[in-house]
C-alpha cells in the first residue's frame, strides 16, 4: 500500500497497460508508478461515490 497525505483530491488519473500502472493525483502533483504481472487481464475500479470514465488507446 502506498500512501501520501494531501489536503484535497481534485482529480485522479490512472494509466495502465499490460505490465504497469501509473496514478496521477491533482494533475500530477503526486505520481505513483508500479509494475504488475497479472495472471489474467482485465480492469476493475472501485470508487464509491466517484465518477469513473474509461478510455482506451488503440495503437
PDB file of N, CA and C in Angstrom:
ATOM      1  N   UNK A   1       0.847  -1.165   0.000  1.00  0.00           N
ATOM      2  CA  UNK A   1       0.000   0.000   0.000  1.00  0.00           C
ATOM      3  C   UNK A   1       0.895   1.231   0.000  1.00  0.00           C
ATOM      4  N   UNK A   2       0.563   2.155  -0.847  1.00  0.00           N
ATOM      5  CA  UNK A   2       1.284   3.439  -0.880  1.00  0.00           C
ATOM      6  C   UNK A   2       0.347   4.521  -0.394  1.00  0.00           C
ATOM      7  N   UNK A   3       0.890   5.456   0.355  1.00  0.00           N
ATOM      8  CA  UNK A   3       0.050   6.469   0.984  1.00  0.00           C
ATOM      9  C   UNK A   3       0.811   7.780   1.034  1.00  0.00           C
ATOM     10  N   UNK A   4       0.137   8.870   0.713  1.00  0.00           N
ATOM     11  CA  UNK A   4       0.714  10.211   0.783  1.00  0.00           C
ATOM     12  C   UNK A   4      -0.394  11.169   1.197  1.00  0.00           C
ATOM     13  N   UNK A   5      -0.183  11.967   2.243  1.00  0.00           N
ATOM     14  CA  UNK A   5      -1.236  12.891   2.674  1.00  0.00           C
ATOM     15  C   UNK A   5      -1.406  14.047   1.689  1.00  0.00           C
ATOM     16  N   UNK A   6      -2.652  14.394   1.406  1.00  0.00           N
ATOM     17  CA  UNK A   6      -2.976  15.555   0.580  1.00  0.00           C
ATOM     18  C   UNK A   6      -4.112  16.319   1.244  1.00  0.00           C
ATOM     19  N   UNK A   7      -4.125  17.618   1.070  1.00  0.00           N
ATOM     20  CA  UNK A   7      -5.188  18.440   1.648  1.00  0.00           C
ATOM     21  C   UNK A   7      -6.509  18.249   0.912  1.00  0.00           C
ATOM     22  N   UNK A   8      -6.435  18.111  -0.420  1.00  0.00           N
ATOM     23  CA  UNK A   8      -7.639  17.978  -1.231  1.00  0.00           C
ATOM     24  C   UNK A   8      -7.316  17.146  -2.471  1.00  0.00           C
ATOM     25  N   UNK A   9      -8.180  16.211  -2.805  1.00  0.00           N
ATOM     26  CA  UNK A   9      -8.036  15.450  -4.037  1.00  0.00           C
ATOM     27  C   UNK A   9      -9.018  16.029  -5.054  1.00  0.00           C
ATOM     28  N   UNK A  10      -8.475  16.699  -6.077  1.00  0.00           N
ATOM     29  CA  UNK A  10      -9.303  17.303  -7.113  1.00  0.00           C
ATOM     30  C   UNK A  10      -9.574  16.327  -8.254  1.00  0.00           C
ATOM     31  N   UNK A  11      -8.556  15.525  -8.594  1.00  0.00           N
ATOM     32  CA  UNK A  11      -8.735  14.533  -9.647  1.00  0.00           C
ATOM     33  C   UNK A  11      -7.679  13.454  -9.526  1.00  0.00           C
ATOM     34  N   UNK A  12      -7.989  12.295 -10.077  1.00  0.00           N
ATOM     35  CA  UNK A  12      -7.069  11.157 -10.119  1.00  0.00           C
ATOM     36  C   UNK A  12      -7.132  10.576 -11.527  1.00  0.00           C
ATOM     37  N   UNK A  13      -5.983  10.382 -12.140  1.00  0.00           N
ATOM     38  CA  UNK A  13      -5.911   9.755 -13.463  1.00  0.00           C
ATOM     39  C   UNK A  13      -5.044   8.511 -13.325  1.00  0.00           C
ATOM     40  N   UNK A  14      -5.564   7.376 -13.782  1.00  0.00           N
ATOM     41  CA  UNK A  14      -4.844   6.111 -13.717  1.00  0.00           C
ATOM     42  C   UNK A  14      -4.577   5.654 -15.144  1.00  0.00           C
ATOM     43  N   UNK A  15      -3.303   5.406 -15.450  1.00  0.00           N
ATOM     44  CA  UNK A  15      -2.901   4.959 -16.772  1.00  0.00           C
ATOM     45  C   UNK A  15      -2.238   3.595 -16.604  1.00  0.00           C
ATOM     46  N   UNK A  16      -2.704   2.630 -17.382  1.00  0.00           N
ATOM     47  CA  UNK A  16      -2.131   1.299 -17.258  1.00  0.00           C
ATOM     48  C   UNK A  16      -2.004   0.609 -18.590  1.00  0.00           C
ATOM     49  N   UNK A  17      -1.107  -0.347 -18.649  1.00  0.00           N
ATOM     50  CA  UNK A  17      -1.003  -1.227 -19.800  1.00  0.00           C
ATOM     51  C   UNK A  17      -0.825  -2.645 -19.274  1.00  0.00           C
ATOM     52  N   UNK A  18      -0.275  -3.540 -20.066  1.00  0.00           N
ATOM     53  CA  UNK A  18      -0.238  -4.943 -19.653  1.00  0.00           C
ATOM     54  C   UNK A  18       0.674  -5.213 -18.464  1.00  0.00           C
ATOM     55  N   UNK A  19       1.622  -4.328 -18.155  1.00  0.00           N
ATOM     56  CA  UNK A  19       2.516  -4.613 -17.031  1.00  0.00           C
ATOM     57  C   UNK A  19       2.845  -3.404 -16.156  1.00  0.00           C
ATOM     58  N   UNK A  20       2.195  -2.273 -16.348  1.00  0.00           N
ATOM     59  CA  UNK A  20       2.483  -1.126 -15.494  1.00  0.00           C
ATOM     60  C   UNK A  20       1.221  -0.328 -15.208  1.00  0.00           C
ATOM     61  N   UNK A  21       1.256   0.354 -14.066  1.00  0.00           N
ATOM     62  CA  UNK A  21       0.159   1.240 -13.667  1.00  0.00           C
ATOM     63  C   UNK A  21       0.777   2.515 -13.121  1.00  0.00           C
ATOM     64  N   UNK A  22       0.276   3.658 -13.566  1.00  0.00           N
ATOM     65  CA  UNK A  22       0.698   4.944 -13.035  1.00  0.00           C
ATOM     66  C   UNK A  22      -0.535   5.697 -12.562  1.00  0.00           C
ATOM     67  N   UNK A  23      -0.439   6.294 -11.398  1.00  0.00           N
ATOM     68  CA  UNK A  23      -1.541   7.041 -10.801  1.00  0.00           C
ATOM     69  C   UNK A  23      -1.088   8.489 -10.647  1.00  0.00           C
ATOM     70  N   UNK A  24      -1.858   9.418 -11.241  1.00  0.00           N
ATOM     71  CA  UNK A  24      -1.561  10.842 -11.160  1.00  0.00           C
ATOM     72  C   UNK A  24      -2.648  11.509 -10.330  1.00  0.00           C
ATOM     73  N   UNK A  25      -2.265  12.170  -9.253  1.00  0.00           N
ATOM     74  CA  UNK A  25      -3.208  12.836  -8.354  1.00  0.00           C
ATOM     75  C   UNK A  25      -3.044  14.343  -8.522  1.00  0.00           C
ATOM     76  N   UNK A  26      -4.172  15.045  -8.612  1.00  0.00           N
ATOM     77  CA  UNK A  26      -4.176  16.513  -8.733  1.00  0.00           C
ATOM     78  C   UNK A  26      -3.285  16.992  -9.875  1.00  0.00           C
ATOM     79  N   UNK A  27      -3.564  16.477 -11.075  1.00  0.00           N
ATOM     80  CA  UNK A  27      -2.843  16.880 -12.294  1.00  0.00           C
ATOM     81  C   UNK A  27      -1.345  16.629 -12.216  1.00  0.00           C
ATOM     82  N   UNK A  28      -0.939  15.566 -11.516  1.00  0.00           N
ATOM     83  CA  UNK A  28       0.472  15.193 -11.454  1.00  0.00           C
ATOM     84  C   UNK A  28       1.229  15.744 -10.263  1.00  0.00           C
ATOM     85  N   UNK A  29       0.560  16.399  -9.312  1.00  0.00           N
ATOM     86  CA  UNK A  29       1.255  16.876  -8.112  1.00  0.00           C
ATOM     87  C   UNK A  29       1.853  15.695  -7.344  1.00  0.00           C
ATOM     88  N   UNK A  30       1.167  14.548  -7.380  1.00  0.00           N
ATOM     89  CA  UNK A  30       1.681  13.291  -6.827  1.00  0.00           C
ATOM     90  C   UNK A  30       1.571  12.233  -7.910  1.00  0.00           C
ATOM     91  N   UNK A  31       2.604  11.399  -8.038  1.00  0.00           N
ATOM     92  CA  UNK A  31       2.606  10.331  -9.038  1.00  0.00           C
ATOM     93  C   UNK A  31       3.084   9.044  -8.382  1.00  0.00           C
ATOM     94  N   UNK A  32       2.352   7.973  -8.606  1.00  0.00           N
ATOM     95  CA  UNK A  32       2.731   6.646  -8.119  1.00  0.00           C
ATOM     96  C   UNK A  32       2.848   5.740  -9.338  1.00  0.00           C
ATOM     97  N   UNK A  33       3.922   4.980  -9.417  1.00  0.00           N
ATOM     98  CA  UNK A  33       4.128   4.048 -10.528  1.00  0.00           C
ATOM     99  C   UNK A  33       4.475   2.677  -9.981  1.00  0.00           C
ATOM    100  N   UNK A  34       4.009   1.637 -10.668  1.00  0.00           N
ATOM    101  CA  UNK A  34       4.359   0.275 -10.271  1.00  0.00           C
ATOM    102  C   UNK A  34       4.290  -0.644 -11.468  1.00  0.00           C
ATOM    103  N   UNK A  35       4.977  -1.760 -11.377  1.00  0.00           N
ATOM    104  CA  UNK A  35       4.927  -2.813 -12.388  1.00  0.00           C
ATOM    105  C   UNK A  35       4.068  -3.939 -11.848  1.00  0.00           C
ATOM    106  N   UNK A  36       3.278  -4.543 -12.717  1.00  0.00           N
ATOM    107  CA  UNK A  36       2.439  -5.663 -12.318  1.00  0.00           C
ATOM    108  C   UNK A  36       2.595  -6.789 -13.342  1.00  0.00           C
ATOM    109  N   UNK A  37       2.383  -8.007 -12.884  1.00  0.00           N
ATOM    110  CA  UNK A  37       2.448  -9.169 -13.757  1.00  0.00           C
ATOM    111  C   UNK A  37       1.238 -10.050 -13.452  1.00  0.00           C
ATOM    112  N   UNK A  38       0.067  -9.676 -13.986  1.00  0.00           N
ATOM    113  CA  UNK A  38      -1.164 -10.396 -13.647  1.00  0.00           C
ATOM    114  C   UNK A  38      -1.230 -11.771 -14.301  1.00  0.00           C
ATOM    115  N   UNK A  39      -1.927 -12.676 -13.634  1.00  0.00           N
ATOM    116  CA  UNK A  39      -2.180 -13.995 -14.218  1.00  0.00           C
ATOM    117  C   UNK A  39      -3.300 -13.926 -15.248  1.00  0.00           C
ATOM    118  N   UNK A  40      -4.203 -12.966 -15.078  1.00  0.00           N
ATOM    119  CA  UNK A  40      -5.299 -12.749 -16.022  1.00  0.00           C
ATOM    120  C   UNK A  40      -5.431 -11.245 -16.246  1.00  0.00           C
ATOM    121  N   UNK A  41      -5.908 -10.878 -17.423  1.00  0.00           N
ATOM    122  CA  UNK A  41      -6.035  -9.466 -17.758  1.00  0.00           C
ATOM    123  C   UNK A  41      -7.463  -8.992 -17.580  1.00  0.00           C
ATOM    124  N   UNK A  42      -7.613  -7.725 -17.203  1.00  0.00           N
ATOM    125  CA  UNK A  42      -8.912  -7.112 -17.024  1.00  0.00           C
ATOM    126  C   UNK A  42      -8.758  -5.886 -16.148  1.00  0.00           C
ATOM    127  N   UNK A  43      -9.763  -5.049 -16.144  1.00  0.00           N
ATOM    128  CA  UNK A  43      -9.706  -3.817 -15.368  1.00  0.00           C
ATOM    129  C   UNK A  43     -10.951  -3.708 -14.510  1.00  0.00           C
ATOM    130  N   UNK A  44     -10.755  -3.418 -13.237  1.00  0.00           N
ATOM    131  CA  UNK A  44     -11.862  -3.085 -12.347  1.00  0.00           C
ATOM    132  C   UNK A  44     -11.460  -1.872 -11.528  1.00  0.00           C
ATOM    133  N   UNK A  45     -12.427  -1.032 -11.236  1.00  0.00           N
ATOM    134  CA  UNK A  45     -12.195   0.149 -10.416  1.00  0.00           C
ATOM    135  C   UNK A  45     -13.300   0.228  -9.382  1.00  0.00           C
ATOM    136  N   UNK A  46     -12.915   0.366  -8.123  1.00  0.00           N
ATOM    137  CA  UNK A  46     -13.876   0.544  -7.039  1.00  0.00           C
ATOM    138  C   UNK A  46     -13.696   1.956  -6.506  1.00  0.00           C
ATOM    139  N   UNK A  47     -14.635   2.843  -6.824  1.00  0.00           N
ATOM    140  CA  UNK A  47     -14.538   4.246  -6.425  1.00  0.00           C
ATOM    141  C   UNK A  47     -15.898   4.699  -5.916  1.00  0.00           C
ATOM    142  N   UNK A  48     -16.217   4.265  -4.720  1.00  0.00           N
ATOM    143  CA  UNK A  48     -17.521   4.569  -4.127  1.00  0.00           C
ATOM    144  C   UNK A  48     -17.770   6.074  -4.075  1.00  0.00           C
ATOM    145  N   UNK A  49     -18.872   6.513  -4.667  1.00  0.00           N
ATOM    146  CA  UNK A  49     -19.246   7.922  -4.640  1.00  0.00           C
ATOM    147  C   UNK A  49     -18.520   8.791  -5.657  1.00  0.00           C
ATOM    148  N   UNK A  50     -17.731   8.182  -6.555  1.00  0.00           N
ATOM    149  CA  UNK A  50     -16.976   8.962  -7.531  1.00  0.00           C
ATOM    150  C   UNK A  50     -17.412   8.596  -8.944  1.00  0.00           C
ATOM    151  N   UNK A  51     -17.138   9.484  -9.869  1.00  0.00           N
ATOM    152  CA  UNK A  51     -17.403   9.235 -11.278  1.00  0.00           C
ATOM    153  C   UNK A  51     -16.177   8.594 -11.903  1.00  0.00           C
ATOM    154  N   UNK A  52     -16.361   7.507 -12.657  1.00  0.00           N
ATOM    155  CA  UNK A  52     -15.247   6.809 -13.305  1.00  0.00           C
ATOM    156  C   UNK A  52     -15.503   6.789 -14.804  1.00  0.00           C
ATOM    157  N   UNK A  53     -14.489   7.197 -15.571  1.00  0.00           N
ATOM    158  CA  UNK A  53     -14.563   7.185 -17.028  1.00  0.00           C
ATOM    159  C   UNK A  53     -13.405   6.357 -17.564  1.00  0.00           C
ATOM    160  N   UNK A  54     -13.689   5.367 -18.418  1.00  0.00           N
ATOM    161  CA  UNK A  54     -12.666   4.542 -19.041  1.00  0.00           C
ATOM    162  C   UNK A  54     -12.378   5.078 -20.444  1.00  0.00           C
ATOM    163  N   UNK A  55     -11.103   5.110 -20.815  1.00  0.00           N
ATOM    164  CA  UNK A  55     -10.695   5.466 -22.163  1.00  0.00           C
ATOM    165  C   UNK A  55      -9.732   4.377 -22.631  1.00  0.00           C
ATOM    166  N   UNK A  56      -9.826   3.965 -23.872  1.00  0.00           N
ATOM    167  CA  UNK A  56      -8.886   3.010 -24.422  1.00  0.00           C
ATOM    168  C   UNK A  56      -8.063   3.693 -25.500  1.00  0.00           C
ATOM    169  N   UNK A  57      -6.849   3.236 -25.670  1.00  0.00           N
ATOM    170  CA  UNK A  57      -5.959   3.763 -26.680  1.00  0.00           C
ATOM    171  C   UNK A  57      -5.530   2.600 -27.568  1.00  0.00           C
ATOM    172  N   UNK A  58      -5.932   2.633 -28.799  1.00  0.00           N
ATOM    173  CA  UNK A  58      -5.550   1.608 -29.758  1.00  0.00           C
ATOM    174  C   UNK A  58      -4.460   2.171 -30.657  1.00  0.00           C
ATOM    175  N   UNK A  59      -3.332   1.486 -30.671  1.00  0.00           N
ATOM    176  CA  UNK A  59      -2.202   1.953 -31.487  1.00  0.00           C
ATOM    177  C   UNK A  59      -1.997   1.003 -32.634  1.00  0.00           C
TER     178      UNK A  59
END
